[in-house]
Amino acid sequence: MADKLTSATIVDHLWSAANVLRGCLASDETMLGVLLVLLLLKREADSGHNEDVAPLKRLWMDAETKGARDVDARLIDALRAIGHKRPVLAEVPDRLGWSDQIPALRSTRELGVVVDRLRDLDLRDANVDDPRACGDAAGLLIEKFERASKHGGHSTPGDVVDLMTTLVAPVRGMRIADPFCGHGRYLAACARRLGPANAVLLGQDIDRQIAAIAAMNLALRDCWSARVEAGDTLTEPRFVEHGVLEQADVVMSTPPFGGTWNAEEAIHDRFGRFHRGVPPRNRRDFAVILHMLSMVAPQGRLAVVVLGGALFRAGAEAEIRNSLIRDDLVEAIIGLPPSTLYATAAAPFILLLNRAKPAQRRGRILFVQSERTEDSKQRKLPRDVSKKVAEAYAQWVETPGFSRIIPNHEITEANLSPGRYVARAQQKGHGSLDDLASKARLHEAERDEATAEMDRLLKTLADPTPARGAR
C-alpha cells in the first residue's frame, strides 16, 4: 500500500511545479497565488463534492491541458464557480488580478504544464495522512515564500504565530479578528486549534492580492464562512455594522511597523478611535493599536507585535500609553529575542491588552524579557523560550532575570519596555548596576528601533509598494 500524502509531500509537489513557472510571473505573491489556486481546485475536484461544477470538471478531467493557451481563464472560471458555493472565495478571482500579471503564460504554456503535473496528485481524504493536510500544506507553502520574500519584514514566523495563539487562548464560539491579516496566518492558527466552523473569523489587508491569498489559506482549512476583506484598515475599515466597528473577542495581528498615516483626519474619525490621543503622523504604530482596541469586545483581549520604540517614545504616544495604563488595560509586555522576525534583527515585543483582567491581575502588569538560548543565527523563536514565555503568562509568575510583575502606579514615564523593569530584578540591591542595566536595555531598544526603521526605508526605496499586514 502506497504511503499517504503528508502536508510536507504536498508542498514538495507544489514547489516542484513552481520551478516550471519561475521567471514567468510578475512577483512572488502571484506565484504563491497560482499555487494555492491549484491546490484548492485540485482538492475540490478530488473531494467528489463538486461533480456539478462544470469548469472544475473541464479543468482537471478533460484531456491533458499541456498545450492549452487558456489555462489561466480555466482556473479563474473554476474558482469563480466554487466561489458561488463558498462565500469566503467569492471575491478571490477578481482580487488575484491575473489579467494584468500573467498574460505571458498564455504564450509560453507553462501553466498548462503545471496543471498537467498535478493531475495525478490524489488529494482525497483517504489518500492523505490527516484531514487537515491541505490546510497545513498551505501554511507551510506560505511560510516558505515568506522566508524568501523581500517583504519578509512584515511576515510572522510560525513559531511566533503559535505563541500568540497560545497567549490569547481562543475558545469555541469566539469572534476573532486580524485587521492587518496579510496571508491570514493568525486566523488559520485559530481555526486549526478550534476547528474550522467553531469561530467567526474576520480579516482585512490593504493589498487585494494578499487578501485573496488569505481567503484561500482559510478555505483550504474549510473555513467557508470566514470573511476576508481588502482595503486600508485605518481609512476604510470593512467590518462596520450600523455605523460602528464590529466587535471581536480576540483581536490579534503583526501589523506593518512604523510608517506614516493621515493623522489630520483623526480629529473627525467617525468611529471615535483616537480619543486617547492622536499618534504622530510619521509613527502609525499606535494608530493601528487604537484601531484594534476599538474592535475589542467588552470582555475581549488584544495581542499585537510591535518594535521597542512604541513602548517608550515620548509625546503623544506616551500620553496614549498613560491612558491605557490608567484604565488598567495593559496586561503584559513580552520581549522576544532579536532576529525572531524574518527581515529585521530588531527584537520584537508582544503587547497584550485585556478589557476584563482577572482579579489577581488587576492594577498590575507582567513584564517578560526573553533571550535566545539556541543558535543565534536561527530566524525563529526557540521552543524552550516560547514555552517559558507561555508558562510565565499563564501562571502569572515572577522569575528573576526573566519576568516581573509591576503595579501600575510604579510605571514611570509611561515606559513599557520590559528591560526597564526586569533588569532591576537581576541586580537587586545594587543601585548603580541597576541603573546601568536599565539604561543598557533602553539603548538596545532604541538601537533596534533605528535599525528597523532603516530596514523599512531601504525596502521602500527598493520596492515602493504599499506596506502590508502580517503574513
Protein backbone atom coordinates (compact mmCIF):
# COMPACT_ATOMS: atom_id res chain seq x y z
CA MET A 1 0.00 0.00 0.00
CA ALA A 2 1.42 3.39 -1.00
CA ASP A 3 2.27 5.85 1.75
CA LYS A 4 -0.34 8.52 2.32
CA LEU A 5 0.41 12.10 1.39
CA THR A 6 1.58 14.42 4.15
CA SER A 7 1.46 18.21 4.17
CA ALA A 8 5.21 18.23 3.50
CA THR A 9 4.98 15.96 0.45
CA ILE A 10 2.13 18.06 -0.94
CA VAL A 11 4.34 21.15 -0.61
CA ASP A 12 7.17 19.31 -2.37
CA HIS A 13 4.85 18.64 -5.33
CA LEU A 14 3.79 22.29 -5.45
CA TRP A 15 7.35 23.59 -5.10
CA SER A 16 8.41 21.40 -8.00
CA ALA A 17 5.57 22.85 -10.03
CA ALA A 18 6.70 26.35 -9.05
CA ASN A 19 10.05 25.73 -10.70
CA VAL A 20 8.27 25.49 -14.05
CA LEU A 21 6.80 28.97 -13.56
CA ARG A 22 9.89 30.80 -12.35
CA GLY A 23 10.70 33.80 -14.47
CA CYS A 24 7.20 33.89 -15.98
CA LEU A 25 5.37 35.69 -13.16
CA ALA A 26 5.47 39.28 -12.01
CA SER A 27 6.02 38.60 -8.29
CA ASP A 28 6.35 36.01 -5.57
CA GLU A 29 2.81 36.84 -4.45
CA THR A 30 1.49 35.97 -7.91
CA MET A 31 3.38 32.67 -7.82
CA LEU A 32 2.00 31.88 -4.36
CA GLY A 33 -1.50 32.76 -5.53
CA VAL A 34 -1.21 30.44 -8.54
CA LEU A 35 -0.03 27.51 -6.39
CA LEU A 36 -2.77 27.99 -3.79
CA VAL A 37 -5.42 28.17 -6.52
CA LEU A 38 -4.09 24.92 -7.97
CA LEU A 39 -4.04 23.24 -4.56
CA LEU A 40 -7.53 24.44 -3.71
CA LEU A 41 -9.09 23.44 -7.04
CA LYS A 42 -7.34 20.06 -7.10
CA ARG A 43 -8.61 19.29 -3.61
CA GLU A 44 -12.13 20.37 -4.53
CA ALA A 45 -12.01 18.28 -7.71
CA ASP A 46 -10.81 15.21 -5.80
CA SER A 47 -13.29 15.64 -2.95
CA GLY A 48 -16.20 14.34 -5.02
CA HIS A 49 -18.45 17.18 -3.80
CA ASN A 50 -18.30 19.23 -6.98
CA GLU A 51 -19.33 16.96 -9.85
CA ASP A 52 -21.88 19.60 -10.81
CA VAL A 53 -19.26 22.33 -11.23
CA ALA A 54 -18.57 22.16 -14.95
CA PRO A 55 -15.49 24.47 -15.09
CA LEU A 56 -13.78 22.37 -12.42
CA LYS A 57 -14.51 19.16 -14.33
CA ARG A 58 -13.26 20.76 -17.54
CA LEU A 59 -10.00 21.76 -15.88
CA TRP A 60 -8.99 18.50 -14.24
CA MET A 61 -10.91 15.79 -16.10
CA ASP A 62 -10.65 16.77 -19.74
CA ALA A 63 -7.82 15.70 -21.99
CA GLU A 64 -4.41 16.99 -20.95
CA THR A 65 -4.07 20.74 -20.78
CA LYS A 66 -0.36 20.93 -21.63
CA GLY A 67 -0.99 22.55 -24.99
CA ALA A 68 -3.86 24.80 -23.94
CA ARG A 69 -3.46 28.56 -24.17
CA ASP A 70 -6.38 29.48 -21.87
CA VAL A 71 -5.45 27.65 -18.68
CA ASP A 72 -5.47 30.84 -16.59
CA ALA A 73 -9.04 31.51 -17.76
CA ARG A 74 -9.99 27.92 -16.94
CA LEU A 75 -8.57 28.31 -13.43
CA ILE A 76 -10.46 31.53 -12.82
CA ASP A 77 -13.70 30.07 -14.22
CA ALA A 78 -13.37 27.07 -11.90
CA LEU A 79 -12.53 29.29 -8.93
CA ARG A 80 -15.46 31.58 -9.67
CA ALA A 81 -17.80 28.58 -9.88
CA ILE A 82 -16.61 27.33 -6.49
CA GLY A 83 -16.97 30.87 -5.11
CA HIS A 84 -20.69 30.81 -5.88
CA LYS A 85 -20.96 27.98 -3.36
CA ARG A 86 -18.30 29.15 -0.89
CA PRO A 87 -18.64 32.80 0.28
CA VAL A 88 -15.05 33.13 1.51
CA LEU A 89 -13.87 32.68 -2.11
CA ALA A 90 -16.42 34.98 -3.77
CA GLU A 91 -14.03 37.92 -4.29
CA VAL A 92 -10.85 35.92 -4.83
CA PRO A 93 -10.95 35.69 -8.67
CA ASP A 94 -11.14 39.48 -9.05
CA ARG A 95 -8.62 40.23 -6.30
CA LEU A 96 -5.94 37.98 -7.78
CA GLY A 97 -5.63 40.39 -10.72
CA TRP A 98 -4.29 37.76 -13.07
CA SER A 99 -5.44 39.58 -16.20
CA ASP A 100 -2.67 42.12 -15.57
CA GLN A 101 0.04 39.82 -14.25
CA ILE A 102 0.26 36.55 -16.15
CA PRO A 103 -0.50 37.14 -19.84
CA ALA A 104 2.92 35.69 -20.70
CA LEU A 105 1.74 32.29 -19.54
CA ARG A 106 -0.73 32.14 -22.40
CA SER A 107 2.01 32.18 -24.98
CA THR A 108 4.57 30.06 -23.14
CA ARG A 109 2.03 27.45 -21.94
CA GLU A 110 3.88 26.78 -18.67
CA LEU A 111 0.67 26.97 -16.68
CA GLY A 112 -0.79 24.10 -18.65
CA VAL A 113 2.33 22.06 -17.92
CA VAL A 114 1.92 22.71 -14.20
CA VAL A 115 -1.76 21.72 -14.20
CA ASP A 116 -0.83 18.54 -16.01
CA ARG A 117 1.90 17.73 -13.50
CA LEU A 118 -0.56 17.93 -10.63
CA ARG A 119 -3.19 15.79 -12.35
CA ASP A 120 -2.03 12.61 -10.58
CA LEU A 121 -1.77 14.24 -7.13
CA ASP A 122 -4.63 12.46 -5.34
CA LEU A 123 -5.94 14.70 -2.55
CA ARG A 124 -8.92 12.62 -1.50
CA ASP A 125 -9.28 12.28 2.30
CA ALA A 126 -8.48 8.58 2.03
CA ASN A 127 -5.12 9.38 0.44
CA VAL A 128 -3.81 11.94 2.96
CA ASP A 129 -2.49 11.22 6.44
CA ASP A 130 -4.55 13.93 8.11
CA PRO A 131 -7.82 15.63 7.08
CA ARG A 132 -6.03 18.94 7.67
CA ALA A 133 -3.14 18.07 5.34
CA CYS A 134 -4.08 20.54 2.58
CA GLY A 135 -4.58 23.38 5.06
CA ASP A 136 -1.28 22.60 6.73
CA ALA A 137 0.38 22.42 3.30
CA ALA A 138 -0.95 25.92 2.55
CA GLY A 139 0.61 27.18 5.78
CA LEU A 140 3.96 25.55 5.01
CA LEU A 141 3.94 26.91 1.47
CA ILE A 142 3.13 30.42 2.65
CA GLU A 143 5.93 30.34 5.21
CA LYS A 144 8.34 29.02 2.57
CA PHE A 145 7.55 32.04 0.39
CA GLU A 146 7.71 34.42 3.34
CA ARG A 147 11.23 33.31 4.24
CA ALA A 148 12.44 34.10 0.73
CA SER A 149 10.37 37.23 0.18
CA LYS A 150 11.74 40.76 0.18
CA HIS A 151 8.57 41.70 2.11
CA GLY A 152 9.56 39.33 4.91
CA GLY A 153 9.79 42.17 7.44
CA HIS A 154 6.04 42.10 7.90
CA SER A 155 5.71 38.34 7.84
CA THR A 156 5.22 36.37 11.03
CA PRO A 157 7.17 33.13 11.59
CA GLY A 158 5.04 30.15 12.52
CA ASP A 159 6.66 29.94 15.96
CA VAL A 160 5.50 33.46 16.81
CA VAL A 161 2.03 32.72 15.41
CA ASP A 162 1.80 29.65 17.64
CA LEU A 163 2.93 31.59 20.73
CA MET A 164 0.48 34.43 20.11
CA THR A 165 -2.35 31.95 19.63
CA THR A 166 -1.42 30.24 22.90
CA LEU A 167 -1.36 33.57 24.74
CA VAL A 168 -4.81 34.72 23.58
CA ALA A 169 -6.22 31.22 24.23
CA PRO A 170 -9.19 31.31 21.81
CA VAL A 171 -12.20 29.13 22.63
CA ARG A 172 -15.08 27.88 20.53
CA GLY A 173 -17.77 30.38 19.69
CA MET A 174 -15.44 33.39 19.73
CA ARG A 175 -15.22 36.14 17.14
CA ILE A 176 -11.56 36.51 16.15
CA ALA A 177 -10.26 39.40 14.04
CA ASP A 178 -6.98 40.32 12.41
CA PRO A 179 -7.47 43.76 10.81
CA PHE A 180 -3.98 43.65 9.22
CA CYS A 181 -4.14 39.98 8.32
CA GLY A 182 -1.62 39.56 5.50
CA HIS A 183 -1.74 35.90 4.49
CA GLY A 184 -4.14 35.08 7.34
CA ARG A 185 -1.67 33.17 9.49
CA TYR A 186 -3.24 34.07 12.86
CA LEU A 187 -6.77 33.30 11.69
CA ALA A 188 -5.62 29.98 10.24
CA ALA A 189 -3.88 29.07 13.51
CA CYS A 190 -7.04 29.77 15.49
CA ALA A 191 -9.08 27.69 13.03
CA ARG A 192 -6.66 24.79 13.36
CA ARG A 193 -6.91 24.96 17.15
CA LEU A 194 -10.69 25.30 17.38
CA GLY A 195 -11.95 23.57 14.25
CA PRO A 196 -12.98 25.32 11.02
CA ALA A 197 -16.61 26.02 11.92
CA ASN A 198 -16.21 26.85 15.60
CA ALA A 199 -15.29 30.54 15.44
CA VAL A 200 -16.16 33.64 13.44
CA LEU A 201 -13.01 34.73 11.58
CA LEU A 202 -12.56 38.29 10.28
CA GLY A 203 -9.54 39.56 8.32
CA GLN A 204 -8.59 42.61 6.27
CA ASP A 205 -5.49 43.54 4.27
CA ILE A 206 -4.64 46.64 2.26
CA ASP A 207 -3.37 44.54 -0.67
CA ARG A 208 -6.11 42.87 -2.73
CA GLN A 209 -3.85 40.03 -3.87
CA ILE A 210 -2.70 39.34 -0.30
CA ALA A 211 -6.33 39.33 0.86
CA ALA A 212 -7.11 36.75 -1.83
CA ILE A 213 -4.27 34.54 -0.59
CA ALA A 214 -5.56 34.84 2.99
CA ALA A 215 -9.02 33.77 1.85
CA MET A 216 -7.60 30.71 0.10
CA ASN A 217 -5.49 29.88 3.15
CA LEU A 218 -8.70 29.76 5.20
CA ALA A 219 -10.71 27.97 2.52
CA LEU A 220 -8.13 25.18 2.43
CA ARG A 221 -8.91 24.71 6.13
CA ASP A 222 -12.67 24.52 5.39
CA CYS A 223 -13.34 27.92 6.96
CA TRP A 224 -16.04 28.56 4.40
CA SER A 225 -17.83 31.28 6.38
CA ALA A 226 -14.69 33.33 7.17
CA ARG A 227 -14.74 36.93 5.95
CA VAL A 228 -11.63 38.44 4.39
CA GLU A 229 -11.86 41.99 3.07
CA ALA A 230 -9.49 44.23 1.10
CA GLY A 231 -8.76 47.88 1.84
CA ASP A 232 -6.80 50.23 4.10
CA THR A 233 -7.90 49.31 7.62
CA LEU A 234 -7.26 52.77 9.07
CA THR A 235 -9.13 54.74 6.39
CA GLU A 236 -11.51 52.06 5.07
CA PRO A 237 -12.34 49.58 7.84
CA ARG A 238 -14.63 46.95 6.28
CA PHE A 239 -16.08 45.42 9.42
CA VAL A 240 -18.68 48.05 10.22
CA GLU A 241 -22.26 47.47 11.28
CA HIS A 242 -24.82 50.25 11.80
CA GLY A 243 -22.05 52.85 11.70
CA VAL A 244 -19.84 51.25 14.38
CA LEU A 245 -16.89 48.87 14.18
CA GLU A 246 -17.79 45.23 14.61
CA GLN A 247 -16.57 43.74 17.88
CA ALA A 248 -14.43 40.65 18.41
CA ASP A 249 -13.46 38.62 21.46
CA VAL A 250 -9.86 38.37 20.26
CA VAL A 251 -8.10 40.91 18.04
CA MET A 252 -4.54 39.93 17.10
CA SER A 253 -2.03 40.97 14.45
CA THR A 254 1.51 41.70 13.37
CA PRO A 255 0.83 44.97 11.54
CA PRO A 256 3.38 46.89 9.47
CA PHE A 257 5.89 48.64 11.73
CA GLY A 258 6.26 52.42 11.69
CA GLY A 259 5.25 54.25 8.54
CA THR A 260 3.09 57.32 8.10
CA TRP A 261 -0.66 57.80 8.31
CA ASN A 262 -3.19 60.60 7.85
CA ALA A 263 -3.23 61.93 11.41
CA GLU A 264 -5.13 65.06 10.39
CA GLU A 265 -8.29 63.04 9.77
CA ALA A 266 -8.20 61.51 13.25
CA ILE A 267 -9.91 64.56 14.72
CA HIS A 268 -13.01 63.79 12.64
CA ASP A 269 -12.79 60.00 12.95
CA ARG A 270 -16.35 58.71 12.76
CA PHE A 271 -15.53 55.69 14.90
CA GLY A 272 -14.03 57.61 17.84
CA ARG A 273 -10.87 55.51 17.76
CA PHE A 274 -8.44 58.25 18.82
CA HIS A 275 -10.00 59.70 21.97
CA ARG A 276 -6.91 58.56 23.92
CA GLY A 277 -4.67 60.69 21.73
CA VAL A 278 -3.57 61.18 18.13
CA PRO A 279 -0.31 59.39 17.24
CA PRO A 280 2.29 61.36 15.27
CA ARG A 281 1.87 61.43 11.51
CA ASN A 282 5.22 59.67 10.98
CA ARG A 283 4.52 56.93 13.56
CA ARG A 284 1.40 54.90 12.81
CA ASP A 285 2.03 52.16 15.42
CA PHE A 286 -0.49 53.47 17.95
CA ALA A 287 -2.99 54.40 15.25
CA VAL A 288 -3.00 50.68 14.45
CA ILE A 289 -3.22 49.67 18.13
CA LEU A 290 -6.08 52.10 18.84
CA HIS A 291 -7.99 50.79 15.85
CA MET A 292 -7.53 47.25 17.09
CA LEU A 293 -8.60 48.23 20.60
CA SER A 294 -11.76 49.79 19.16
CA MET A 295 -12.68 46.36 17.80
CA VAL A 296 -12.22 44.56 21.14
CA ALA A 297 -15.47 43.48 22.80
CA PRO A 298 -16.15 44.41 26.49
CA GLN A 299 -14.77 41.06 27.70
CA GLY A 300 -12.18 40.73 24.94
CA ARG A 301 -8.42 40.95 24.57
CA LEU A 302 -5.84 42.23 22.12
CA ALA A 303 -2.40 40.91 21.15
CA VAL A 304 -0.12 42.83 18.80
CA VAL A 305 3.54 42.59 17.79
CA VAL A 306 5.43 45.90 17.96
CA LEU A 307 9.01 47.11 17.96
CA GLY A 308 10.61 48.66 21.02
CA GLY A 309 10.11 52.32 20.18
CA ALA A 310 6.35 52.06 20.51
CA LEU A 311 6.85 51.16 24.18
CA PHE A 312 8.95 54.13 25.27
CA ARG A 313 8.74 57.05 22.82
CA ALA A 314 7.64 60.35 24.38
CA GLY A 315 4.98 62.81 23.28
CA ALA A 316 1.55 61.75 22.06
CA GLU A 317 2.47 58.07 22.21
CA ALA A 318 3.39 58.37 25.90
CA GLU A 319 0.02 60.04 26.55
CA ILE A 320 -1.73 57.11 24.86
CA ARG A 321 0.24 54.58 26.90
CA ASN A 322 -0.60 56.53 30.06
CA SER A 323 -4.28 56.29 29.16
CA LEU A 324 -4.03 52.51 28.66
CA ILE A 325 -2.22 52.10 31.99
CA ARG A 326 -4.67 54.37 33.82
CA ASP A 327 -7.63 52.34 32.53
CA ASP A 328 -5.86 49.11 33.55
CA LEU A 329 -5.94 47.67 30.05
CA VAL A 330 -2.26 46.65 29.84
CA GLU A 331 -1.92 43.03 30.95
CA ALA A 332 1.54 42.03 29.75
CA ILE A 333 4.52 43.09 27.62
CA ILE A 334 6.67 40.25 26.31
CA GLY A 335 10.08 40.86 24.81
CA LEU A 336 11.20 38.28 22.25
CA PRO A 337 14.80 37.62 21.19
CA PRO A 338 16.45 39.62 18.39
CA SER A 339 16.17 38.16 14.88
CA THR A 340 12.89 36.43 15.72
CA LEU A 341 11.27 38.03 12.66
CA TYR A 342 12.42 37.36 9.10
CA ALA A 343 13.75 40.64 7.77
CA THR A 344 14.87 42.64 10.79
CA ALA A 345 17.37 41.94 13.54
CA ALA A 346 15.37 44.12 15.93
CA ALA A 347 13.83 42.41 18.94
CA PRO A 348 10.01 42.37 18.68
CA PHE A 349 7.59 42.71 21.59
CA ILE A 350 4.11 41.36 22.18
CA LEU A 351 1.71 43.87 23.74
CA LEU A 352 -1.28 42.22 25.44
CA LEU A 353 -4.31 44.33 26.39
CA ASN A 354 -7.34 42.96 28.24
CA ARG A 355 -10.67 44.67 28.82
CA ALA A 356 -11.54 42.17 31.56
CA LYS A 357 -8.36 41.36 33.50
CA PRO A 358 -8.79 38.62 36.13
CA ALA A 359 -8.99 39.93 39.70
CA GLN A 360 -5.47 38.81 40.61
CA ARG A 361 -4.01 40.69 37.63
CA ARG A 362 -5.82 44.00 38.09
CA GLY A 363 -3.67 47.02 38.74
CA ARG A 364 -0.52 45.15 37.68
CA ILE A 365 1.44 44.43 34.52
CA LEU A 366 3.58 41.39 33.72
CA PHE A 367 6.88 42.17 32.01
CA VAL A 368 8.82 39.36 30.31
CA GLN A 369 12.27 39.75 28.78
CA SER A 370 13.34 36.60 26.95
CA GLU A 371 16.71 35.85 25.43
CA ARG A 372 17.82 33.49 22.68
CA THR A 373 19.23 30.24 24.03
CA GLU A 374 19.92 28.42 20.77
CA ASP A 375 21.94 29.20 17.64
CA SER A 376 21.74 32.98 17.29
CA LYS A 377 21.52 32.63 13.51
CA GLN A 378 18.12 30.98 13.73
CA ARG A 379 15.42 33.32 12.50
CA LYS A 380 12.71 31.81 14.62
CA LEU A 381 11.58 31.60 18.21
CA PRO A 382 13.28 28.74 20.07
CA ARG A 383 10.79 26.25 21.52
CA ASP A 384 12.18 26.46 25.04
CA VAL A 385 11.83 30.25 25.04
CA SER A 386 8.27 30.05 23.72
CA LYS A 387 7.31 27.51 26.37
CA LYS A 388 8.84 29.58 29.16
CA VAL A 389 7.02 32.72 27.98
CA ALA A 390 3.67 30.94 27.74
CA GLU A 391 4.09 29.46 31.23
CA ALA A 392 5.05 32.82 32.77
CA TYR A 393 1.94 34.45 31.28
CA ALA A 394 -0.45 31.60 32.15
CA GLN A 395 0.83 31.20 35.70
CA TRP A 396 1.44 34.94 36.21
CA VAL A 397 4.73 34.39 37.99
CA GLU A 398 7.97 36.24 38.53
CA THR A 399 11.29 34.65 37.59
CA PRO A 400 14.49 36.58 38.38
CA GLY A 401 16.05 37.90 35.19
CA PHE A 402 13.08 36.79 33.06
CA SER A 403 9.74 38.13 34.31
CA ARG A 404 8.49 40.66 36.80
CA ILE A 405 5.07 41.92 37.89
CA ILE A 406 4.88 45.68 38.41
CA PRO A 407 1.96 47.66 39.94
CA ASN A 408 0.55 50.22 37.53
CA HIS A 409 1.48 53.13 39.81
CA GLU A 410 5.17 52.16 39.64
CA ILE A 411 5.34 52.54 35.86
CA THR A 412 7.46 55.61 35.20
CA GLU A 413 7.19 57.93 32.19
CA ALA A 414 4.66 55.51 30.66
CA ASN A 415 7.68 53.42 29.68
CA LEU A 416 6.57 49.84 28.97
CA SER A 417 9.94 48.42 27.90
CA PRO A 418 10.41 45.08 29.74
CA GLY A 419 14.15 45.68 30.11
CA ARG A 420 13.47 48.73 32.27
CA TYR A 421 11.82 46.57 34.92
CA VAL A 422 13.14 43.03 34.51
CA ALA A 423 16.74 44.24 34.62
CA ARG A 424 16.17 45.60 38.14
CA ALA A 425 15.36 42.14 39.42
CA GLN A 426 18.65 40.86 38.00
CA GLN A 427 20.74 43.27 40.08
CA LYS A 428 18.61 43.60 43.19
CA GLY A 429 20.35 45.55 45.91
CA HIS A 430 22.92 47.17 43.59
CA GLY A 431 21.61 50.60 42.73
CA SER A 432 24.34 51.68 40.32
CA LEU A 433 24.35 48.38 38.43
CA ASP A 434 20.58 48.54 38.44
CA ASP A 435 20.57 51.89 36.68
CA LEU A 436 23.21 50.82 34.19
CA ALA A 437 21.31 47.66 33.27
CA SER A 438 18.11 49.63 32.79
CA LYS A 439 19.83 52.20 30.59
CA ALA A 440 21.52 49.47 28.56
CA ARG A 441 18.17 47.83 27.85
CA LEU A 442 16.68 51.17 26.84
CA HIS A 443 19.55 51.92 24.45
CA GLU A 444 19.24 48.43 22.96
CA ALA A 445 15.56 49.09 22.25
CA GLU A 446 16.38 52.48 20.69
CA ARG A 447 19.05 50.85 18.52
CA ASP A 448 16.64 48.14 17.41
CA GLU A 449 14.02 50.76 16.57
CA ALA A 450 16.52 52.71 14.45
CA THR A 451 17.65 49.50 12.72
CA ALA A 452 14.08 48.52 11.89
CA GLU A 453 13.29 51.99 10.57
CA MET A 454 16.37 51.87 8.35
CA ASP A 455 15.30 48.43 7.07
CA ARG A 456 11.83 49.78 6.30
CA LEU A 457 13.16 52.81 4.42
CA LEU A 458 15.58 50.69 2.39
CA LYS A 459 12.76 48.32 1.41
CA THR A 460 10.61 51.31 0.44
CA LEU A 461 13.37 52.60 -1.82
CA ALA A 462 13.86 49.16 -3.38
CA ASP A 463 10.14 48.46 -3.81
CA PRO A 464 7.70 51.35 -3.30
CA THR A 465 4.61 49.12 -2.95
CA PRO A 466 2.25 49.80 -0.02
CA ALA A 467 3.18 48.36 3.37
CA ARG A 468 1.33 45.14 4.04
CA GLY A 469 -0.01 43.36 7.07
CA ALA A 470 1.30 40.31 8.82
CA ARG A 471 1.55 37.24 6.65
